[in-house]
Amino acid sequence: MTRQSTNQGSKTRVARHRAKTTAQGSRRVEVTVAARDAGLIKAVGGALRAGGKDAEKVREALTSMLSLEPVRTGSDLVAFLRASPLVGEELMIERDPSPGRHVDLE
């Protein structure tokens, strides 16, 4: 087996795994933290992933300490645009057809 085909196989397995976990309701998150906190973040992720009483305790503790804004979604944007006072208006938006200005780059 060549190196390229092995690499392709790994990519396929990773893609399959990520699709499976996404279908199960998980979301991959990447964060950068201080080296000393990496184990803590992994432990928090593991507890949340496992679910149960420990996950609820971790969620409650973190939520009470941090002010979390709700995650914005595409449906939030659609709702915002539908509530716009411009709904139903016929807007004619055109780009300025001028070629711009000459800039000497030398």
PDB file of N, CA and C in Angstrom:
ATOM      1  N   MET A   1       0.841  -1.168   0.000  1.00  0.00           N
ATOM      2  CA  MET A   1       0.000   0.000   0.000  1.00  0.00           C
ATOM      3  C   MET A   1       0.892   1.238   0.000  1.00  0.00           C
ATOM      4  N   THR A   2       0.587   2.210  -0.821  1.00  0.00           N
ATOM      5  CA  THR A   2       1.414   3.403  -0.899  1.00  0.00           C
ATOM      6  C   THR A   2       1.035   4.372   0.213  1.00  0.00           C
ATOM      7  N   ARG A   3       1.915   5.306   0.442  1.00  0.00           N
ATOM      8  CA  ARG A   3       1.686   6.297   1.483  1.00  0.00           C
ATOM      9  C   ARG A   3       0.444   7.140   1.181  1.00  0.00           C
ATOM     10  N   GLN A   4       0.256   7.473  -0.093  1.00  0.00           N
ATOM     11  CA  GLN A   4      -0.884   8.295  -0.475  1.00  0.00           C
ATOM     12  C   GLN A   4      -2.205   7.563  -0.210  1.00  0.00           C
ATOM     13  N   SER A   5      -2.289   6.295  -0.554  1.00  0.00           N
ATOM     14  CA  SER A   5      -3.535   5.568  -0.332  1.00  0.00           C
ATOM     15  C   SER A   5      -3.805   5.368   1.157  1.00  0.00           C
ATOM     16  N   THR A   6      -2.766   5.205   1.963  1.00  0.00           N
ATOM     17  CA  THR A   6      -2.942   5.093   3.405  1.00  0.00           C
ATOM     18  C   THR A   6      -3.483   6.400   3.961  1.00  0.00           C
ATOM     19  N   ASN A   7      -2.932   7.497   3.499  1.00  0.00           N
ATOM     20  CA  ASN A   7      -3.387   8.810   3.934  1.00  0.00           C
ATOM     21  C   ASN A   7      -4.843   9.014   3.531  1.00  0.00           C
ATOM     22  N   GLN A   8      -5.206   8.596   2.327  1.00  0.00           N
ATOM     23  CA  GLN A   8      -6.586   8.727   1.856  1.00  0.00           C
ATOM     24  C   GLN A   8      -7.526   7.871   2.714  1.00  0.00           C
ATOM     25  N   GLY A   9      -7.097   6.676   3.067  1.00  0.00           N
ATOM     26  CA  GLY A   9      -7.902   5.811   3.926  1.00  0.00           C
ATOM     27  C   GLY A   9      -8.149   6.429   5.284  1.00  0.00           C
ATOM     28  N   SER A  10      -7.126   7.066   5.839  1.00  0.00           N
ATOM     29  CA  SER A  10      -7.274   7.735   7.130  1.00  0.00           C
ATOM     30  C   SER A  10      -8.276   8.873   7.033  1.00  0.00           C
ATOM     31  N   LYS A  11      -8.174   9.633   5.953  1.00  0.00           N
ATOM     32  CA  LYS A  11      -9.104  10.749   5.760  1.00  0.00           C
ATOM     33  C   LYS A  11     -10.536  10.239   5.645  1.00  0.00           C
ATOM     34  N   THR A  12     -10.717   9.128   4.951  1.00  0.00           N
ATOM     35  CA  THR A  12     -12.055   8.555   4.792  1.00  0.00           C
ATOM     36  C   THR A  12     -12.598   8.094   6.134  1.00  0.00           C
ATOM     37  N   ARG A  13     -11.765   7.426   6.941  1.00  0.00           N
ATOM     38  CA  ARG A  13     -12.207   6.963   8.261  1.00  0.00           C
ATOM     39  C   ARG A  13     -12.565   8.140   9.164  1.00  0.00           C
ATOM     40  N   VAL A  14     -11.748   9.181   9.128  1.00  0.00           N
ATOM     41  CA  VAL A  14     -12.021  10.364   9.952  1.00  0.00           C
ATOM     42  C   VAL A  14     -13.327  11.012   9.502  1.00  0.00           C
ATOM     43  N   ALA A  15     -13.525  11.155   8.203  1.00  0.00           N
ATOM     44  CA  ALA A  15     -14.757  11.749   7.687  1.00  0.00           C
ATOM     45  C   ALA A  15     -15.978  10.922   8.088  1.00  0.00           C
ATOM     46  N   ARG A  16     -15.849   9.607   8.020  1.00  0.00           N
ATOM     47  CA  ARG A  16     -16.951   8.715   8.394  1.00  0.00           C
ATOM     48  C   ARG A  16     -17.260   8.864   9.894  1.00  0.00           C
ATOM     49  N   HIS A  17     -16.216   8.922  10.712  1.00  0.00           N
ATOM     50  CA  HIS A  17     -16.389   9.073  12.166  1.00  0.00           C
ATOM     51  C   HIS A  17     -17.057  10.415  12.482  1.00  0.00           C
ATOM     52  N   ARG A  18     -16.604  11.477  11.847  1.00  0.00           N
ATOM     53  CA  ARG A  18     -17.185  12.797  12.115  1.00  0.00           C
ATOM     54  C   ARG A  18     -18.641  12.863  11.674  1.00  0.00           C
ATOM     55  N   ALA A  19     -18.972  12.247  10.549  1.00  0.00           N
ATOM     56  CA  ALA A  19     -20.366  12.218  10.086  1.00  0.00           C
ATOM     57  C   ALA A  19     -21.241  11.458  11.079  1.00  0.00           C
ATOM     58  N   LYS A  20     -20.718  10.356  11.605  1.00  0.00           N
ATOM     59  CA  LYS A  20     -21.460   9.538  12.561  1.00  0.00           C
ATOM     60  C   LYS A  20     -21.715  10.309  13.850  1.00  0.00           C
ATOM     61  N   THR A  21     -20.696  10.967  14.377  1.00  0.00           N
ATOM     62  CA  THR A  21     -20.866  11.697  15.637  1.00  0.00           C
ATOM     63  C   THR A  21     -21.773  12.911  15.439  1.00  0.00           C
ATOM     64  N   THR A  22     -21.698  13.543  14.280  1.00  0.00           N
ATOM     65  CA  THR A  22     -22.582  14.662  13.995  1.00  0.00           C
ATOM     66  C   THR A  22     -24.027  14.179  13.951  1.00  0.00           C
ATOM     67  N   ALA A  23     -24.260  13.044  13.317  1.00  0.00           N
ATOM     68  CA  ALA A  23     -25.606  12.476  13.247  1.00  0.00           C
ATOM     69  C   ALA A  23     -26.136  12.124  14.639  1.00  0.00           C
ATOM     70  N   GLN A  24     -25.242  11.829  15.570  1.00  0.00           N
ATOM     71  CA  GLN A  24     -25.637  11.494  16.944  1.00  0.00           C
ATOM     72  C   GLN A  24     -25.825  12.746  17.799  1.00  0.00           C
ATOM     73  N   GLY A  25     -25.671  13.917  17.203  1.00  0.00           N
ATOM     74  CA  GLY A  25     -25.900  15.166  17.931  1.00  0.00           C
ATOM     75  C   GLY A  25     -24.667  15.791  18.540  1.00  0.00           C
ATOM     76  N   SER A  26     -23.491  15.309  18.180  1.00  0.00           N
ATOM     77  CA  SER A  26     -22.260  15.899  18.707  1.00  0.00           C
ATOM     78  C   SER A  26     -21.737  16.953  17.740  1.00  0.00           C
ATOM     79  N   ARG A  27     -20.943  17.858  18.276  1.00  0.00           N
ATOM     80  CA  ARG A  27     -20.314  18.872  17.446  1.00  0.00           C
ATOM     81  C   ARG A  27     -18.855  18.977  17.838  1.00  0.00           C
ATOM     82  N   ARG A  28     -17.973  18.976  16.843  1.00  0.00           N
ATOM     83  CA  ARG A  28     -16.541  19.081  17.085  1.00  0.00           C
ATOM     84  C   ARG A  28     -16.206  20.539  17.375  1.00  0.00           C
ATOM     85  N   VAL A  29     -15.428  20.755  18.435  1.00  0.00           N
ATOM     86  CA  VAL A  29     -15.029  22.099  18.827  1.00  0.00           C
ATOM     87  C   VAL A  29     -13.528  22.092  19.053  1.00  0.00           C
ATOM     88  N   GLU A  30     -12.863  23.081  18.511  1.00  0.00           N
ATOM     89  CA  GLU A  30     -11.414  23.184  18.717  1.00  0.00           C
ATOM     90  C   GLU A  30     -11.132  24.472  19.468  1.00  0.00           C
ATOM     91  N   VAL A  31     -10.374  24.374  20.536  1.00  0.00           N
ATOM     92  CA  VAL A  31     -10.010  25.544  21.326  1.00  0.00           C
ATOM     93  C   VAL A  31      -8.511  25.539  21.576  1.00  0.00           C
ATOM     94  N   THR A  32      -7.980  26.709  21.802  1.00  0.00           N
ATOM     95  CA  THR A  32      -6.573  26.832  22.165  1.00  0.00           C
ATOM     96  C   THR A  32      -6.520  27.353  23.597  1.00  0.00           C
ATOM     97  N   VAL A  33      -5.852  26.612  24.459  1.00  0.00           N
ATOM     98  CA  VAL A  33      -5.755  26.983  25.868  1.00  0.00           C
ATOM     99  C   VAL A  33      -4.302  26.843  26.310  1.00  0.00           C
ATOM    100  N   ALA A  34      -4.033  27.370  27.487  1.00  0.00           N
ATOM    101  CA  ALA A  34      -2.701  27.212  28.063  1.00  0.00           C
ATOM    102  C   ALA A  34      -2.435  25.723  28.272  1.00  0.00           C
ATOM    103  N   ALA A  35      -1.192  25.325  28.118  1.00  0.00           N
ATOM    104  CA  ALA A  35      -0.821  23.914  28.234  1.00  0.00           C
ATOM    105  C   ALA A  35      -1.274  23.322  29.567  1.00  0.00           C
ATOM    106  N   ARG A  36      -1.200  24.095  30.620  1.00  0.00           N
ATOM    107  CA  ARG A  36      -1.584  23.564  31.928  1.00  0.00           C
ATOM    108  C   ARG A  36      -3.088  23.297  32.032  1.00  0.00           C
ATOM    109  N   ASP A  37      -3.902  23.899  31.152  1.00  0.00           N
ATOM    110  CA  ASP A  37      -5.352  23.722  31.195  1.00  0.00           C
ATOM    111  C   ASP A  37      -5.861  22.650  30.231  1.00  0.00           C
ATOM    112  N   ALA A  38      -4.995  22.103  29.397  1.00  0.00           N
ATOM    113  CA  ALA A  38      -5.427  21.141  28.377  1.00  0.00           C
ATOM    114  C   ALA A  38      -6.103  19.927  29.001  1.00  0.00           C
ATOM    115  N   GLY A  39      -5.530  19.376  30.050  1.00  0.00           N
ATOM    116  CA  GLY A  39      -6.133  18.217  30.714  1.00  0.00           C
ATOM    117  C   GLY A  39      -7.489  18.542  31.304  1.00  0.00           C
ATOM    118  N   LEU A  40      -7.608  19.725  31.876  1.00  0.00           N
ATOM    119  CA  LEU A  40      -8.878  20.157  32.458  1.00  0.00           C
ATOM    120  C   LEU A  40      -9.963  20.258  31.382  1.00  0.00           C
ATOM    121  N   ILE A  41      -9.632  20.868  30.258  1.00  0.00           N
ATOM    122  CA  ILE A  41     -10.604  21.026  29.170  1.00  0.00           C
ATOM    123  C   ILE A  41     -11.012  19.663  28.618  1.00  0.00           C
ATOM    124  N   LYS A  42     -10.046  18.759  28.483  1.00  0.00           N
ATOM    125  CA  LYS A  42     -10.375  17.403  28.026  1.00  0.00           C
ATOM    126  C   LYS A  42     -11.301  16.707  29.009  1.00  0.00           C
ATOM    127  N   ALA A  43     -11.048  16.884  30.294  1.00  0.00           N
ATOM    128  CA  ALA A  43     -11.889  16.261  31.319  1.00  0.00           C
ATOM    129  C   ALA A  43     -13.306  16.834  31.285  1.00  0.00           C
ATOM    130  N   VAL A  44     -13.419  18.136  31.112  1.00  0.00           N
ATOM    131  CA  VAL A  44     -14.739  18.770  31.016  1.00  0.00           C
ATOM    132  C   VAL A  44     -15.481  18.223  29.801  1.00  0.00           C
ATOM    133  N   GLY A  45     -14.792  18.161  28.656  1.00  0.00           N
ATOM    134  CA  GLY A  45     -15.404  17.606  27.452  1.00  0.00           C
ATOM    135  C   GLY A  45     -15.843  16.171  27.647  1.00  0.00           C
ATOM    136  N   GLY A  46     -15.011  15.376  28.291  1.00  0.00           N
ATOM    137  CA  GLY A  46     -15.353  13.976  28.550  1.00  0.00           C
ATOM    138  C   GLY A  46     -16.572  13.840  29.445  1.00  0.00           C
ATOM    139  N   ALA A  47     -16.644  14.664  30.489  1.00  0.00           N
ATOM    140  CA  ALA A  47     -17.792  14.614  31.404  1.00  0.00           C
ATOM    141  C   ALA A  47     -19.077  15.013  30.679  1.00  0.00           C
ATOM    142  N   LEU A  48     -19.006  16.065  29.858  1.00  0.00           N
ATOM    143  CA  LEU A  48     -20.191  16.497  29.120  1.00  0.00           C
ATOM    144  C   LEU A  48     -20.618  15.452  28.094  1.00  0.00           C
ATOM    145  N   ARG A  49     -19.644  14.842  27.449  1.00  0.00           N
ATOM    146  CA  ARG A  49     -19.928  13.820  26.432  1.00  0.00           C
ATOM    147  C   ARG A  49     -20.576  12.593  27.056  1.00  0.00           C
ATOM    148  N   ALA A  50     -20.143  12.226  28.270  1.00  0.00           N
ATOM    149  CA  ALA A  50     -20.667  11.039  28.935  1.00  0.00           C
ATOM    150  C   ALA A  50     -22.108  11.233  29.393  1.00  0.00           C
ATOM    151  N   GLY A  51     -22.482  12.466  29.678  1.00  0.00           N
ATOM    152  CA  GLY A  51     -23.851  12.731  30.125  1.00  0.00           C
ATOM    153  C   GLY A  51     -24.042  12.348  31.573  1.00  0.00           C
ATOM    154  N   GLY A  52     -25.281  12.317  32.016  1.00  0.00           N
ATOM    155  CA  GLY A  52     -25.590  11.926  33.384  1.00  0.00           C
ATOM    156  C   GLY A  52     -25.490  13.072  34.376  1.00  0.00           C
ATOM    157  N   LYS A  53     -25.427  12.697  35.651  1.00  0.00           N
ATOM    158  CA  LYS A  53     -25.416  13.686  36.730  1.00  0.00           C
ATOM    159  C   LYS A  53     -24.152  14.534  36.723  1.00  0.00           C
ATOM    160  N   ASP A  54     -23.011  13.918  36.419  1.00  0.00           N
ATOM    161  CA  ASP A  54     -21.762  14.687  36.375  1.00  0.00           C
ATOM    162  C   ASP A  54     -21.823  15.766  35.296  1.00  0.00           C
ATOM    163  N   ALA A  55     -22.381  15.433  34.148  1.00  0.00           N
ATOM    164  CA  ALA A  55     -22.495  16.409  33.061  1.00  0.00           C
ATOM    165  C   ALA A  55     -23.380  17.575  33.486  1.00  0.00           C
ATOM    166  N   GLU A  56     -24.482  17.281  34.169  1.00  0.00           N
ATOM    167  CA  GLU A  56     -25.373  18.345  34.631  1.00  0.00           C
ATOM    168  C   GLU A  56     -24.672  19.240  35.644  1.00  0.00           C
ATOM    169  N   LYS A  57     -23.884  18.641  36.546  1.00  0.00           N
ATOM    170  CA  LYS A  57     -23.145  19.427  37.543  1.00  0.00           C
ATOM    171  C   LYS A  57     -22.140  20.352  36.867  1.00  0.00           C
ATOM    172  N   VAL A  58     -21.426  19.817  35.864  1.00  0.00           N
ATOM    173  CA  VAL A  58     -20.435  20.620  35.140  1.00  0.00           C
ATOM    174  C   VAL A  58     -21.141  21.761  34.411  1.00  0.00           C
ATOM    175  N   ARG A  59     -22.250  21.467  33.725  1.00  0.00           N
ATOM    176  CA  ARG A  59     -23.000  22.510  33.011  1.00  0.00           C
ATOM    177  C   ARG A  59     -23.473  23.605  33.966  1.00  0.00           C
ATOM    178  N   GLU A  60     -24.051  23.202  35.087  1.00  0.00           N
ATOM    179  CA  GLU A  60     -24.555  24.180  36.065  1.00  0.00           C
ATOM    180  C   GLU A  60     -23.427  25.054  36.598  1.00  0.00           C
ATOM    181  N   ALA A  61     -22.302  24.418  36.943  1.00  0.00           N
ATOM    182  CA  ALA A  61     -21.176  25.169  37.499  1.00  0.00           C
ATOM    183  C   ALA A  61     -20.622  26.166  36.480  1.00  0.00           C
ATOM    184  N   LEU A  62     -20.422  25.701  35.258  1.00  0.00           N
ATOM    185  CA  LEU A  62     -19.856  26.580  34.240  1.00  0.00           C
ATOM    186  C   LEU A  62     -20.831  27.675  33.832  1.00  0.00           C
ATOM    187  N   THR A  63     -22.103  27.342  33.709  1.00  0.00           N
ATOM    188  CA  THR A  63     -23.103  28.335  33.312  1.00  0.00           C
ATOM    189  C   THR A  63     -23.229  29.431  34.354  1.00  0.00           C
ATOM    190  N   SER A  64     -23.148  29.058  35.636  1.00  0.00           N
ATOM    191  CA  SER A  64     -23.264  30.064  36.688  1.00  0.00           C
ATOM    192  C   SER A  64     -22.037  30.977  36.734  1.00  0.00           C
ATOM    193  N   MET A  65     -20.881  30.475  36.302  1.00  0.00           N
ATOM    194  CA  MET A  65     -19.654  31.277  36.337  1.00  0.00           C
ATOM    195  C   MET A  65     -19.469  32.138  35.090  1.00  0.00           C
ATOM    196  N   LEU A  66     -20.003  31.691  33.968  1.00  0.00           N
ATOM    197  CA  LEU A  66     -19.771  32.369  32.697  1.00  0.00           C
ATOM    198  C   LEU A  66     -21.064  32.942  32.158  1.00  0.00           C
ATOM    199  N   SER A  67     -20.962  34.094  31.513  1.00  0.00           N
ATOM    200  CA  SER A  67     -22.161  34.605  30.845  1.00  0.00           C
ATOM    201  C   SER A  67     -22.088  34.116  29.397  1.00  0.00           C
ATOM    202  N   LEU A  68     -22.971  33.204  29.075  1.00  0.00           N
ATOM    203  CA  LEU A  68     -22.955  32.602  27.750  1.00  0.00           C
ATOM    204  C   LEU A  68     -24.046  33.217  26.890  1.00  0.00           C
ATOM    205  N   GLU A  69     -23.666  33.711  25.719  1.00  0.00           N
ATOM    206  CA  GLU A  69     -24.658  34.197  24.774  1.00  0.00           C
ATOM    207  C   GLU A  69     -25.204  33.005  24.010  1.00  0.00           C
ATOM    208  N   PRO A  70     -26.476  33.041  23.682  1.00  0.00           N
ATOM    209  CA  PRO A  70     -27.014  31.927  22.906  1.00  0.00           C
ATOM    210  C   PRO A  70     -26.342  31.843  21.540  1.00  0.00           C
ATOM    211  N   VAL A  71     -26.209  30.634  21.047  1.00  0.00           N
ATOM    212  CA  VAL A  71     -25.577  30.423  19.748  1.00  0.00           C
ATOM    213  C   VAL A  71     -26.495  30.953  18.662  1.00  0.00           C
ATOM    214  N   ARG A  72     -25.949  31.730  17.761  1.00  0.00           N
ATOM    215  CA  ARG A  72     -26.733  32.268  16.646  1.00  0.00           C
ATOM    216  C   ARG A  72     -26.837  31.209  15.563  1.00  0.00           C
ATOM    217  N   THR A  73     -28.008  31.097  14.993  1.00  0.00           N
ATOM    218  CA  THR A  73     -28.212  30.110  13.944  1.00  0.00           C
ATOM    219  C   THR A  73     -28.759  30.771  12.700  1.00  0.00           C
ATOM    220  N   GLY A  74     -28.817  30.015  11.627  1.00  0.00           N
ATOM    221  CA  GLY A  74     -29.386  30.519  10.380  1.00  0.00           C
ATOM    222  C   GLY A  74     -30.837  30.906  10.561  1.00  0.00           C
ATOM    223  N   SER A  75     -31.577  30.161  11.389  1.00  0.00           N
ATOM    224  CA  SER A  75     -32.990  30.495  11.599  1.00  0.00           C
ATOM    225  C   SER A  75     -33.129  31.836  12.324  1.00  0.00           C
ATOM    226  N   ASP A  76     -32.152  32.197  13.176  1.00  0.00           N
ATOM    227  CA  ASP A  76     -32.170  33.517  13.811  1.00  0.00           C
ATOM    228  C   ASP A  76     -32.040  34.615  12.768  1.00  0.00           C
ATOM    229  N   LEU A  77     -31.167  34.406  11.796  1.00  0.00           N
ATOM    230  CA  LEU A  77     -30.976  35.389  10.734  1.00  0.00           C
ATOM    231  C   LEU A  77     -32.236  35.514   9.890  1.00  0.00           C
ATOM    232  N   VAL A  78     -32.844  34.392   9.555  1.00  0.00           N
ATOM    233  CA  VAL A  78     -34.078  34.420   8.759  1.00  0.00           C
ATOM    234  C   VAL A  78     -35.176  35.163   9.518  1.00  0.00           C
ATOM    235  N   ALA A  79     -35.317  34.888  10.801  1.00  0.00           N
ATOM    236  CA  ALA A  79     -36.331  35.570  11.618  1.00  0.00           C
ATOM    237  C   ALA A  79     -36.054  37.072  11.671  1.00  0.00           C
ATOM    238  N   PHE A  80     -34.787  37.444  11.800  1.00  0.00           N
ATOM    239  CA  PHE A  80     -34.411  38.856  11.825  1.00  0.00           C
ATOM    240  C   PHE A  80     -34.784  39.542  10.516  1.00  0.00           C
ATOM    241  N   LEU A  81     -34.454  38.911   9.400  1.00  0.00           N
ATOM    242  CA  LEU A  81     -34.754  39.509   8.099  1.00  0.00           C
ATOM    243  C   LEU A  81     -36.265  39.585   7.844  1.00  0.00           C
ATOM    244  N   ARG A  82     -37.009  38.595   8.296  1.00  0.00           N
ATOM    245  CA  ARG A  82     -38.470  38.606   8.118  1.00  0.00           C
ATOM    246  C   ARG A  82     -39.140  39.676   8.965  1.00  0.00           C
ATOM    247  N   ALA A  83     -38.495  40.093  10.040  1.00  0.00           N
ATOM    248  CA  ALA A  83     -39.045  41.136  10.906  1.00  0.00           C
ATOM    249  C   ALA A  83     -38.625  42.529  10.451  1.00  0.00           C
ATOM    250  N   SER A  84     -37.853  42.615   9.401  1.00  0.00           N
ATOM    251  CA  SER A  84     -37.349  43.895   8.905  1.00  0.00           C
ATOM    252  C   SER A  84     -38.490  44.786   8.413  1.00  0.00           C
ATOM    253  N   PRO A  85     -38.378  46.092   8.635  1.00  0.00           N
ATOM    254  CA  PRO A  85     -39.407  46.999   8.115  1.00  0.00           C
ATOM    255  C   PRO A  85     -39.388  47.070   6.579  1.00  0.00           C
ATOM    256  N   LEU A  86     -38.376  46.527   5.962  1.00  0.00           N
ATOM    257  CA  LEU A  86     -38.281  46.560   4.504  1.00  0.00           C
ATOM    258  C   LEU A  86     -38.943  45.362   3.832  1.00  0.00           C
ATOM    259  N   VAL A  87     -39.528  44.456   4.631  1.00  0.00           N
ATOM    260  CA  VAL A  87     -40.197  43.283   4.060  1.00  0.00           C
ATOM    261  C   VAL A  87     -41.332  43.765   3.159  1.00  0.00           C
ATOM    262  N   GLY A  88     -41.366  43.245   1.951  1.00  0.00           N
ATOM    263  CA  GLY A  88     -42.421  43.595   1.004  1.00  0.00           C
ATOM    264  C   GLY A  88     -42.088  44.791   0.130  1.00  0.00           C
ATOM    265  N   GLU A  89     -41.062  45.530   0.467  1.00  0.00           N
ATOM    266  CA  GLU A  89     -40.667  46.676  -0.345  1.00  0.00           C
ATOM    267  C   GLU A  89     -39.918  46.193  -1.576  1.00  0.00           C
ATOM    268  N   GLU A  90     -40.118  46.867  -2.667  1.00  0.00           N
ATOM    269  CA  GLU A  90     -39.388  46.539  -3.892  1.00  0.00           C
ATOM    270  C   GLU A  90     -38.153  47.432  -3.941  1.00  0.00           C
ATOM    271  N   LEU A  91     -37.017  46.873  -3.617  1.00  0.00           N
ATOM    272  CA  LEU A  91     -35.770  47.633  -3.595  1.00  0.00           C
ATOM    273  C   LEU A  91     -35.008  47.410  -4.890  1.00  0.00           C
ATOM    274  N   MET A  92     -34.498  48.473  -5.450  1.00  0.00           N
ATOM    275  CA  MET A  92     -33.639  48.388  -6.625  1.00  0.00           C
ATOM    276  C   MET A  92     -32.245  48.811  -6.176  1.00  0.00           C
ATOM    277  N   ILE A  93     -31.398  47.853  -5.970  1.00  0.00           N
ATOM    278  CA  ILE A  93     -30.041  48.137  -5.512  1.00  0.00           C
ATOM    279  C   ILE A  93     -29.094  47.894  -6.671  1.00  0.00           C
ATOM    280  N   GLU A  94     -28.339  48.929  -6.998  1.00  0.00           N
ATOM    281  CA  GLU A  94     -27.402  48.816  -8.110  1.00  0.00           C
ATOM    282  C   GLU A  94     -26.010  49.188  -7.648  1.00  0.00           C
ATOM    283  N   ARG A  95     -25.046  48.561  -8.250  1.00  0.00           N
ATOM    284  CA  ARG A  95     -23.642  48.859  -7.970  1.00  0.00           C
ATOM    285  C   ARG A  95     -23.227  50.039  -8.827  1.00  0.00           C
ATOM    286  N   ASP A  96     -22.404  50.903  -8.274  1.00  0.00           N
ATOM    287  CA  ASP A  96     -21.869  52.032  -9.027  1.00  0.00           C
ATOM    288  C   ASP A  96     -21.055  51.489 -10.199  1.00  0.00           C
ATOM    289  N   PRO A  97     -21.417  51.805 -11.430  1.00  0.00           N
ATOM    290  CA  PRO A  97     -20.724  51.226 -12.590  1.00  0.00           C
ATOM    291  C   PRO A  97     -19.383  51.883 -12.916  1.00  0.00           C
ATOM    292  N   SER A  98     -18.982  52.919 -12.177  1.00  0.00           N
ATOM    293  CA  SER A  98     -17.719  53.583 -12.492  1.00  0.00           C
ATOM    294  C   SER A  98     -16.553  52.615 -12.287  1.00  0.00           C
ATOM    295  N   PRO A  99     -15.499  52.766 -13.088  1.00  0.00           N
ATOM    296  CA  PRO A  99     -14.370  51.840 -12.993  1.00  0.00           C
ATOM    297  C   PRO A  99     -13.502  52.070 -11.759  1.00  0.00           C
ATOM    298  N   GLY A 100     -13.821  53.038 -10.944  1.00  0.00           N
ATOM    299  CA  GLY A 100     -12.993  53.303  -9.770  1.00  0.00           C
ATOM    300  C   GLY A 100     -11.960  54.374 -10.072  1.00  0.00           C
ATOM    301  N   ARG A 101     -10.893  54.371  -9.349  1.00  0.00           N
ATOM    302  CA  ARG A 101      -9.847  55.384  -9.576  1.00  0.00           C
ATOM    303  C   ARG A 101      -8.543  54.709  -9.897  1.00  0.00           C
ATOM    304  N   HIS A 102      -7.708  55.435 -10.552  1.00  0.00           N
ATOM    305  CA  HIS A 102      -6.389  54.926 -10.921  1.00  0.00           C
ATOM    306  C   HIS A 102      -5.461  55.070  -9.714  1.00  0.00           C
ATOM    307  N   VAL A 103      -4.742  54.020  -9.397  1.00  0.00           N
ATOM    308  CA  VAL A 103      -3.797  54.045  -8.290  1.00  0.00           C
ATOM    309  C   VAL A 103      -2.420  53.698  -8.848  1.00  0.00           C
ATOM    310  N   ASP A 104      -1.469  54.581  -8.594  1.00  0.00           N
ATOM    311  CA  ASP A 104      -0.103  54.356  -9.053  1.00  0.00           C
ATOM    312  C   ASP A 104       0.625  53.539  -7.989  1.00  0.00           C
ATOM    313  N   LEU A 105       0.987  52.291  -8.347  1.00  0.00           N
ATOM    314  CA  LEU A 105       1.637  51.403  -7.394  1.00  0.00           C
ATOM    315  C   LEU A 105       3.157  51.434  -7.483  1.00  0.00           C
ATOM    316  N   GLU A 106       3.683  52.336  -8.238  1.00  0.00           N
ATOM    317  CA  GLU A 106       5.142  52.415  -8.353  1.00  0.00           C
ATOM    318  C   GLU A 106       5.732  53.483  -7.520  1.00  0.00           C
TER     319      GLU A 106
END
